[in-house]
Amino acid sequence: MTPDDRPLEGQFAFVYRHRKTGEIRVLNCEQARIMDRARGDWIHTATLNLHVWVQHLLNLPARKRPHAIRTIIENL
């Protein structure tokens, strides 16, 4: 694996979905720690490497981007 092949180091986004309303929140690491300690109705559903996700999205042909976004939303 060359340095160009390795995923970019970067900020992670922690995705939470509300059990009752389905609302989605995307939090940074510190906010996620606070949310986890509260143990309320929010469920951690995904962790995304923002740099990798944006790079992937931008490398897709424009016509495939909406499908990629729908896919990630459906899998939360």
PDB file of N, CA and C in Angstrom:
ATOM      1  N   MET A   1       0.858  -1.171   0.000  1.00  0.00           N
ATOM      2  CA  MET A   1       0.000   0.000   0.000  1.00  0.00           C
ATOM      3  C   MET A   1       0.905   1.236   0.000  1.00  0.00           C
ATOM      4  N   THR A   2       0.672   2.109  -0.936  1.00  0.00           N
ATOM      5  CA  THR A   2       1.450   3.342  -1.005  1.00  0.00           C
ATOM      6  C   THR A   2       0.776   4.410  -0.154  1.00  0.00           C
ATOM      7  N   PRO A   3       1.503   5.471   0.168  1.00  0.00           N
ATOM      8  CA  PRO A   3       0.868   6.550   0.947  1.00  0.00           C
ATOM      9  C   PRO A   3      -0.388   7.101   0.276  1.00  0.00           C
ATOM     10  N   ASP A   4      -0.422   7.096  -1.051  1.00  0.00           N
ATOM     11  CA  ASP A   4      -1.601   7.604  -1.755  1.00  0.00           C
ATOM     12  C   ASP A   4      -2.807   6.689  -1.642  1.00  0.00           C
ATOM     13  N   ASP A   5      -2.579   5.405  -1.345  1.00  0.00           N
ATOM     14  CA  ASP A   5      -3.667   4.437  -1.232  1.00  0.00           C
ATOM     15  C   ASP A   5      -4.292   4.412   0.158  1.00  0.00           C
ATOM     16  N   ARG A   6      -3.566   4.906   1.143  1.00  0.00           N
ATOM     17  CA  ARG A   6      -4.071   4.865   2.519  1.00  0.00           C
ATOM     18  C   ARG A   6      -5.199   5.858   2.711  1.00  0.00           C
ATOM     19  N   PRO A   7      -6.184   5.509   3.543  1.00  0.00           N
ATOM     20  CA  PRO A   7      -7.261   6.467   3.834  1.00  0.00           C
ATOM     21  C   PRO A   7      -6.677   7.725   4.458  1.00  0.00           C
ATOM     22  N   LEU A   8      -7.267   8.838   4.176  1.00  0.00           N
ATOM     23  CA  LEU A   8      -6.832  10.096   4.773  1.00  0.00           C
ATOM     24  C   LEU A   8      -7.127  10.089   6.262  1.00  0.00           C
ATOM     25  N   GLU A   9      -6.208  10.604   7.031  1.00  0.00           N
ATOM     26  CA  GLU A   9      -6.449  10.769   8.462  1.00  0.00           C
ATOM     27  C   GLU A   9      -7.387  11.950   8.625  1.00  0.00           C
ATOM     28  N   GLY A  10      -8.290  11.857   9.546  1.00  0.00           N
ATOM     29  CA  GLY A  10      -9.153  13.005   9.690  1.00  0.00           C
ATOM     30  C   GLY A  10     -10.174  12.885  10.786  1.00  0.00           C
ATOM     31  N   GLN A  11     -11.011  13.846  10.809  1.00  0.00           N
ATOM     32  CA  GLN A  11     -12.065  13.951  11.803  1.00  0.00           C
ATOM     33  C   GLN A  11     -13.132  12.895  11.534  1.00  0.00           C
ATOM     34  N   PHE A  12     -13.592  12.279  12.585  1.00  0.00           N
ATOM     35  CA  PHE A  12     -14.668  11.311  12.459  1.00  0.00           C
ATOM     36  C   PHE A  12     -15.989  11.968  12.833  1.00  0.00           C
ATOM     37  N   ALA A  13     -17.045  11.490  12.207  1.00  0.00           N
ATOM     38  CA  ALA A  13     -18.398  11.952  12.506  1.00  0.00           C
ATOM     39  C   ALA A  13     -19.151  10.766  13.104  1.00  0.00           C
ATOM     40  N   PHE A  14     -19.784  10.990  14.221  1.00  0.00           N
ATOM     41  CA  PHE A  14     -20.538   9.947  14.906  1.00  0.00           C
ATOM     42  C   PHE A  14     -22.018  10.221  14.674  1.00  0.00           C
ATOM     43  N   VAL A  15     -22.679   9.263  14.051  1.00  0.00           N
ATOM     44  CA  VAL A  15     -24.062   9.447  13.626  1.00  0.00           C
ATOM     45  C   VAL A  15     -24.987   8.755  14.629  1.00  0.00           C
ATOM     46  N   TYR A  16     -25.980   9.500  15.074  1.00  0.00           N
ATOM     47  CA  TYR A  16     -26.974   9.000  16.028  1.00  0.00           C
ATOM     48  C   TYR A  16     -28.370   9.170  15.446  1.00  0.00           C
ATOM     49  N   ARG A  17     -29.241   8.208  15.745  1.00  0.00           N
ATOM     50  CA  ARG A  17     -30.647   8.275  15.341  1.00  0.00           C
ATOM     51  C   ARG A  17     -31.499   8.196  16.601  1.00  0.00           C
ATOM     52  N   HIS A  18     -32.523   9.057  16.672  1.00  0.00           N
ATOM     53  CA  HIS A  18     -33.422   9.058  17.824  1.00  0.00           C
ATOM     54  C   HIS A  18     -34.384   7.879  17.700  1.00  0.00           C
ATOM     55  N   ARG A  19     -34.471   7.107  18.765  1.00  0.00           N
ATOM     56  CA  ARG A  19     -35.323   5.902  18.783  1.00  0.00           C
ATOM     57  C   ARG A  19     -36.774   6.166  18.388  1.00  0.00           C
ATOM     58  N   LYS A  20     -37.335   7.252  18.872  1.00  0.00           N
ATOM     59  CA  LYS A  20     -38.768   7.504  18.690  1.00  0.00           C
ATOM     60  C   LYS A  20     -39.079   8.345  17.459  1.00  0.00           C
ATOM     61  N   THR A  21     -38.261   9.358  17.191  1.00  0.00           N
ATOM     62  CA  THR A  21     -38.591  10.289  16.106  1.00  0.00           C
ATOM     63  C   THR A  21     -37.856  10.007  14.803  1.00  0.00           C
ATOM     64  N   GLY A  22     -36.744   9.252  14.873  1.00  0.00           N
ATOM     65  CA  GLY A  22     -35.961   8.985  13.671  1.00  0.00           C
ATOM     66  C   GLY A  22     -35.036  10.130  13.288  1.00  0.00           C
ATOM     67  N   GLU A  23     -35.067  11.221  14.054  1.00  0.00           N
ATOM     68  CA  GLU A  23     -34.182  12.357  13.772  1.00  0.00           C
ATOM     69  C   GLU A  23     -32.731  11.892  13.807  1.00  0.00           C
ATOM     70  N   ILE A  24     -31.908  12.498  12.958  1.00  0.00           N
ATOM     71  CA  ILE A  24     -30.496  12.129  12.887  1.00  0.00           C
ATOM     72  C   ILE A  24     -29.653  13.299  13.362  1.00  0.00           C
ATOM     73  N   ARG A  25     -28.627  12.986  14.146  1.00  0.00           N
ATOM     74  CA  ARG A  25     -27.639  13.975  14.569  1.00  0.00           C
ATOM     75  C   ARG A  25     -26.258  13.442  14.224  1.00  0.00           C
ATOM     76  N   VAL A  26     -25.403  14.335  13.762  1.00  0.00           N
ATOM     77  CA  VAL A  26     -24.018  13.988  13.459  1.00  0.00           C
ATOM     78  C   VAL A  26     -23.149  14.795  14.416  1.00  0.00           C
ATOM     79  N   LEU A  27     -22.370  14.077  15.229  1.00  0.00           N
ATOM     80  CA  LEU A  27     -21.622  14.709  16.304  1.00  0.00           C
ATOM     81  C   LEU A  27     -20.120  14.501  16.160  1.00  0.00           C
ATOM     82  N   ASN A  28     -19.349  15.405  16.753  1.00  0.00           N
ATOM     83  CA  ASN A  28     -17.907  15.199  16.818  1.00  0.00           C
ATOM     84  C   ASN A  28     -17.607  14.273  17.998  1.00  0.00           C
ATOM     85  N   CYS A  29     -16.350  13.975  18.210  1.00  0.00           N
ATOM     86  CA  CYS A  29     -15.959  13.001  19.231  1.00  0.00           C
ATOM     87  C   CYS A  29     -16.403  13.410  20.633  1.00  0.00           C
ATOM     88  N   GLU A  30     -16.166  14.637  21.019  1.00  0.00           N
ATOM     89  CA  GLU A  30     -16.532  15.087  22.366  1.00  0.00           C
ATOM     90  C   GLU A  30     -18.045  15.068  22.563  1.00  0.00           C
ATOM     91  N   GLN A  31     -18.793  15.543  21.576  1.00  0.00           N
ATOM     92  CA  GLN A  31     -20.255  15.513  21.675  1.00  0.00           C
ATOM     93  C   GLN A  31     -20.763  14.083  21.774  1.00  0.00           C
ATOM     94  N   ALA A  32     -20.128  13.157  21.049  1.00  0.00           N
ATOM     95  CA  ALA A  32     -20.537  11.745  21.086  1.00  0.00           C
ATOM     96  C   ALA A  32     -20.294  11.150  22.471  1.00  0.00           C
ATOM     97  N   ARG A  33     -19.191  11.505  23.089  1.00  0.00           N
ATOM     98  CA  ARG A  33     -18.930  11.016  24.452  1.00  0.00           C
ATOM     99  C   ARG A  33     -20.026  11.475  25.413  1.00  0.00           C
ATOM    100  N   ILE A  34     -20.417  12.719  25.287  1.00  0.00           N
ATOM    101  CA  ILE A  34     -21.480  13.259  26.142  1.00  0.00           C
ATOM    102  C   ILE A  34     -22.794  12.518  25.870  1.00  0.00           C
ATOM    103  N   MET A  35     -23.098  12.314  24.596  1.00  0.00           N
ATOM    104  CA  MET A  35     -24.327  11.608  24.218  1.00  0.00           C
ATOM    105  C   MET A  35     -24.319  10.182  24.769  1.00  0.00           C
ATOM    106  N   ASP A  36     -23.187   9.497  24.681  1.00  0.00           N
ATOM    107  CA  ASP A  36     -23.101   8.120  25.178  1.00  0.00           C
ATOM    108  C   ASP A  36     -23.294   8.043  26.686  1.00  0.00           C
ATOM    109  N   ARG A  37     -22.767   9.027  27.403  1.00  0.00           N
ATOM    110  CA  ARG A  37     -22.930   9.039  28.865  1.00  0.00           C
ATOM    111  C   ARG A  37     -24.376   9.296  29.268  1.00  0.00           C
ATOM    112  N   ALA A  38     -25.102  10.068  28.461  1.00  0.00           N
ATOM    113  CA  ALA A  38     -26.493  10.402  28.785  1.00  0.00           C
ATOM    114  C   ALA A  38     -27.404   9.178  28.667  1.00  0.00           C
ATOM    115  N   ARG A  39     -27.082   8.268  27.776  1.00  0.00           N
ATOM    116  CA  ARG A  39     -27.853   7.023  27.567  1.00  0.00           C
ATOM    117  C   ARG A  39     -29.342   7.270  27.421  1.00  0.00           C
ATOM    118  N   GLY A  40     -29.704   8.220  26.614  1.00  0.00           N
ATOM    119  CA  GLY A  40     -31.110   8.529  26.387  1.00  0.00           C
ATOM    120  C   GLY A  40     -31.670   7.730  25.222  1.00  0.00           C
ATOM    121  N   ASP A  41     -32.500   8.371  24.424  1.00  0.00           N
ATOM    122  CA  ASP A  41     -33.167   7.712  23.303  1.00  0.00           C
ATOM    123  C   ASP A  41     -32.352   7.758  22.012  1.00  0.00           C
ATOM    124  N   TRP A  42     -31.102   8.213  22.079  1.00  0.00           N
ATOM    125  CA  TRP A  42     -30.260   8.305  20.892  1.00  0.00           C
ATOM    126  C   TRP A  42     -29.411   7.045  20.752  1.00  0.00           C
ATOM    127  N   ILE A  43     -29.413   6.476  19.535  1.00  0.00           N
ATOM    128  CA  ILE A  43     -28.670   5.248  19.254  1.00  0.00           C
ATOM    129  C   ILE A  43     -27.546   5.576  18.277  1.00  0.00           C
ATOM    130  N   HIS A  44     -26.319   5.171  18.637  1.00  0.00           N
ATOM    131  CA  HIS A  44     -25.186   5.362  17.728  1.00  0.00           C
ATOM    132  C   HIS A  44     -25.340   4.369  16.580  1.00  0.00           C
ATOM    133  N   THR A  45     -25.422   4.877  15.354  1.00  0.00           N
ATOM    134  CA  THR A  45     -25.667   3.998  14.203  1.00  0.00           C
ATOM    135  C   THR A  45     -24.488   3.887  13.247  1.00  0.00           C
ATOM    136  N   ALA A  46     -23.582   4.873  13.264  1.00  0.00           N
ATOM    137  CA  ALA A  46     -22.453   4.816  12.325  1.00  0.00           C
ATOM    138  C   ALA A  46     -21.361   5.768  12.769  1.00  0.00           C
ATOM    139  N   THR A  47     -20.148   5.447  12.340  1.00  0.00           N
ATOM    140  CA  THR A  47     -19.003   6.340  12.494  1.00  0.00           C
ATOM    141  C   THR A  47     -18.395   6.508  11.116  1.00  0.00           C
ATOM    142  N   LEU A  48     -18.263   7.747  10.684  1.00  0.00           N
ATOM    143  CA  LEU A  48     -17.751   8.032   9.345  1.00  0.00           C
ATOM    144  C   LEU A  48     -16.441   8.800   9.431  1.00  0.00           C
ATOM    145  N   ASN A  49     -15.492   8.423   8.594  1.00  0.00           N
ATOM    146  CA  ASN A  49     -14.289   9.224   8.406  1.00  0.00           C
ATOM    147  C   ASN A  49     -14.666  10.265   7.359  1.00  0.00           C
ATOM    148  N   LEU A  50     -14.815  11.497   7.781  1.00  0.00           N
ATOM    149  CA  LEU A  50     -15.346  12.536   6.887  1.00  0.00           C
ATOM    150  C   LEU A  50     -14.508  12.735   5.639  1.00  0.00           C
ATOM    151  N   HIS A  51     -13.185  12.722   5.770  1.00  0.00           N
ATOM    152  CA  HIS A  51     -12.332  12.932   4.607  1.00  0.00           C
ATOM    153  C   HIS A  51     -12.515  11.813   3.577  1.00  0.00           C
ATOM    154  N   VAL A  52     -12.575  10.582   4.048  1.00  0.00           N
ATOM    155  CA  VAL A  52     -12.737   9.445   3.140  1.00  0.00           C
ATOM    156  C   VAL A  52     -14.098   9.498   2.462  1.00  0.00           C
ATOM    157  N   TRP A  53     -15.153   9.805   3.218  1.00  0.00           N
ATOM    158  CA  TRP A  53     -16.494   9.851   2.650  1.00  0.00           C
ATOM    159  C   TRP A  53     -16.618  10.956   1.602  1.00  0.00           C
ATOM    160  N   VAL A  54     -16.124  12.141   1.918  1.00  0.00           N
ATOM    161  CA  VAL A  54     -16.209  13.249   0.952  1.00  0.00           C
ATOM    162  C   VAL A  54     -15.375  12.934  -0.289  1.00  0.00           C
ATOM    163  N   GLN A  55     -14.193  12.375  -0.094  1.00  0.00           N
ATOM    164  CA  GLN A  55     -13.357  11.993  -1.244  1.00  0.00           C
ATOM    165  C   GLN A  55     -14.087  10.988  -2.121  1.00  0.00           C
ATOM    166  N   HIS A  56     -14.683   9.982  -1.504  1.00  0.00           N
ATOM    167  CA  HIS A  56     -15.442   8.966  -2.246  1.00  0.00           C
ATOM    168  C   HIS A  56     -16.580   9.623  -3.022  1.00  0.00           C
ATOM    169  N   LEU A  57     -17.328  10.474  -2.360  1.00  0.00           N
ATOM    170  CA  LEU A  57     -18.471  11.135  -2.992  1.00  0.00           C
ATOM    171  C   LEU A  57     -18.040  11.991  -4.186  1.00  0.00           C
ATOM    172  N   LEU A  58     -16.970  12.738  -4.003  1.00  0.00           N
ATOM    173  CA  LEU A  58     -16.505  13.617  -5.081  1.00  0.00           C
ATOM    174  C   LEU A  58     -15.896  12.857  -6.244  1.00  0.00           C
ATOM    175  N   ASN A  59     -15.391  11.665  -5.997  1.00  0.00           N
ATOM    176  CA  ASN A  59     -14.827  10.848  -7.078  1.00  0.00           C
ATOM    177  C   ASN A  59     -15.890  10.106  -7.880  1.00  0.00           C
ATOM    178  N   LEU A  60     -17.104  10.040  -7.351  1.00  0.00           N
ATOM    179  CA  LEU A  60     -18.191   9.396  -8.088  1.00  0.00           C
ATOM    180  C   LEU A  60     -18.661  10.303  -9.225  1.00  0.00           C
ATOM    181  N   PRO A  61     -19.134   9.699 -10.315  1.00  0.00           N
ATOM    182  CA  PRO A  61     -19.777  10.530 -11.340  1.00  0.00           C
ATOM    183  C   PRO A  61     -20.994  11.232 -10.715  1.00  0.00           C
ATOM    184  N   ALA A  62     -21.276  12.435 -11.148  1.00  0.00           N
ATOM    185  CA  ALA A  62     -22.359  13.244 -10.564  1.00  0.00           C
ATOM    186  C   ALA A  62     -23.684  12.487 -10.519  1.00  0.00           C
ATOM    187  N   ARG A  63     -23.975  11.689 -11.504  1.00  0.00           N
ATOM    188  CA  ARG A  63     -25.255  10.984 -11.543  1.00  0.00           C
ATOM    189  C   ARG A  63     -25.357   9.882 -10.485  1.00  0.00           C
ATOM    190  N   LYS A  64     -24.203   9.413  -9.943  1.00  0.00           N
ATOM    191  CA  LYS A  64     -24.219   8.355  -8.930  1.00  0.00           C
ATOM    192  C   LYS A  64     -24.206   8.894  -7.503  1.00  0.00           C
ATOM    193  N   ARG A  65     -23.951  10.163  -7.317  1.00  0.00           N
ATOM    194  CA  ARG A  65     -23.874  10.743  -5.972  1.00  0.00           C
ATOM    195  C   ARG A  65     -25.184  10.643  -5.197  1.00  0.00           C
ATOM    196  N   PRO A  66     -26.335  10.967  -5.814  1.00  0.00           N
ATOM    197  CA  PRO A  66     -27.589  10.834  -5.049  1.00  0.00           C
ATOM    198  C   PRO A  66     -27.823   9.411  -4.541  1.00  0.00           C
ATOM    199  N   HIS A  67     -27.469   8.412  -5.348  1.00  0.00           N
ATOM    200  CA  HIS A  67     -27.634   7.023  -4.927  1.00  0.00           C
ATOM    201  C   HIS A  67     -26.736   6.710  -3.730  1.00  0.00           C
ATOM    202  N   ALA A  68     -25.492   7.199  -3.750  1.00  0.00           N
ATOM    203  CA  ALA A  68     -24.569   6.964  -2.638  1.00  0.00           C
ATOM    204  C   ALA A  68     -25.105   7.592  -1.352  1.00  0.00           C
ATOM    205  N   ILE A  69     -25.653   8.782  -1.466  1.00  0.00           N
ATOM    206  CA  ILE A  69     -26.205   9.465  -0.289  1.00  0.00           C
ATOM    207  C   ILE A  69     -27.434   8.720   0.223  1.00  0.00           C
ATOM    208  N   ARG A  70     -28.324   8.302  -0.672  1.00  0.00           N
ATOM    209  CA  ARG A  70     -29.510   7.529  -0.247  1.00  0.00           C
ATOM    210  C   ARG A  70     -29.103   6.236   0.437  1.00  0.00           C
ATOM    211  N   THR A  71     -28.087   5.577  -0.108  1.00  0.00           N
ATOM    212  CA  THR A  71     -27.631   4.292   0.453  1.00  0.00           C
ATOM    213  C   THR A  71     -27.148   4.461   1.884  1.00  0.00           C
ATOM    214  N   ILE A  72     -26.355   5.489   2.132  1.00  0.00           N
ATOM    215  CA  ILE A  72     -25.856   5.677   3.495  1.00  0.00           C
ATOM    216  C   ILE A  72     -26.989   6.024   4.451  1.00  0.00           C
ATOM    217  N   ILE A  73     -27.952   6.818   4.003  1.00  0.00           N
ATOM    218  CA  ILE A  73     -29.088   7.180   4.854  1.00  0.00           C
ATOM    219  C   ILE A  73     -29.934   5.938   5.177  1.00  0.00           C
ATOM    220  N   GLU A  74     -30.159   5.089   4.185  1.00  0.00           N
ATOM    221  CA  GLU A  74     -30.977   3.890   4.389  1.00  0.00           C
ATOM    222  C   GLU A  74     -30.315   2.910   5.348  1.00  0.00           C
ATOM    223  N   ASN A  75     -28.984   2.965   5.459  1.00  0.00           N
ATOM    224  CA  ASN A  75     -28.263   2.009   6.304  1.00  0.00           C
ATOM    225  C   ASN A  75     -27.975   2.547   7.703  1.00  0.00           C
ATOM    226  N   LEU A  76     -28.503   3.692   8.036  1.00  0.00           N
ATOM    227  CA  LEU A  76     -28.275   4.237   9.382  1.00  0.00           C
ATOM    228  C   LEU A  76     -29.226   3.604  10.377  1.00  0.00           C
TER     229      LEU A  76
END
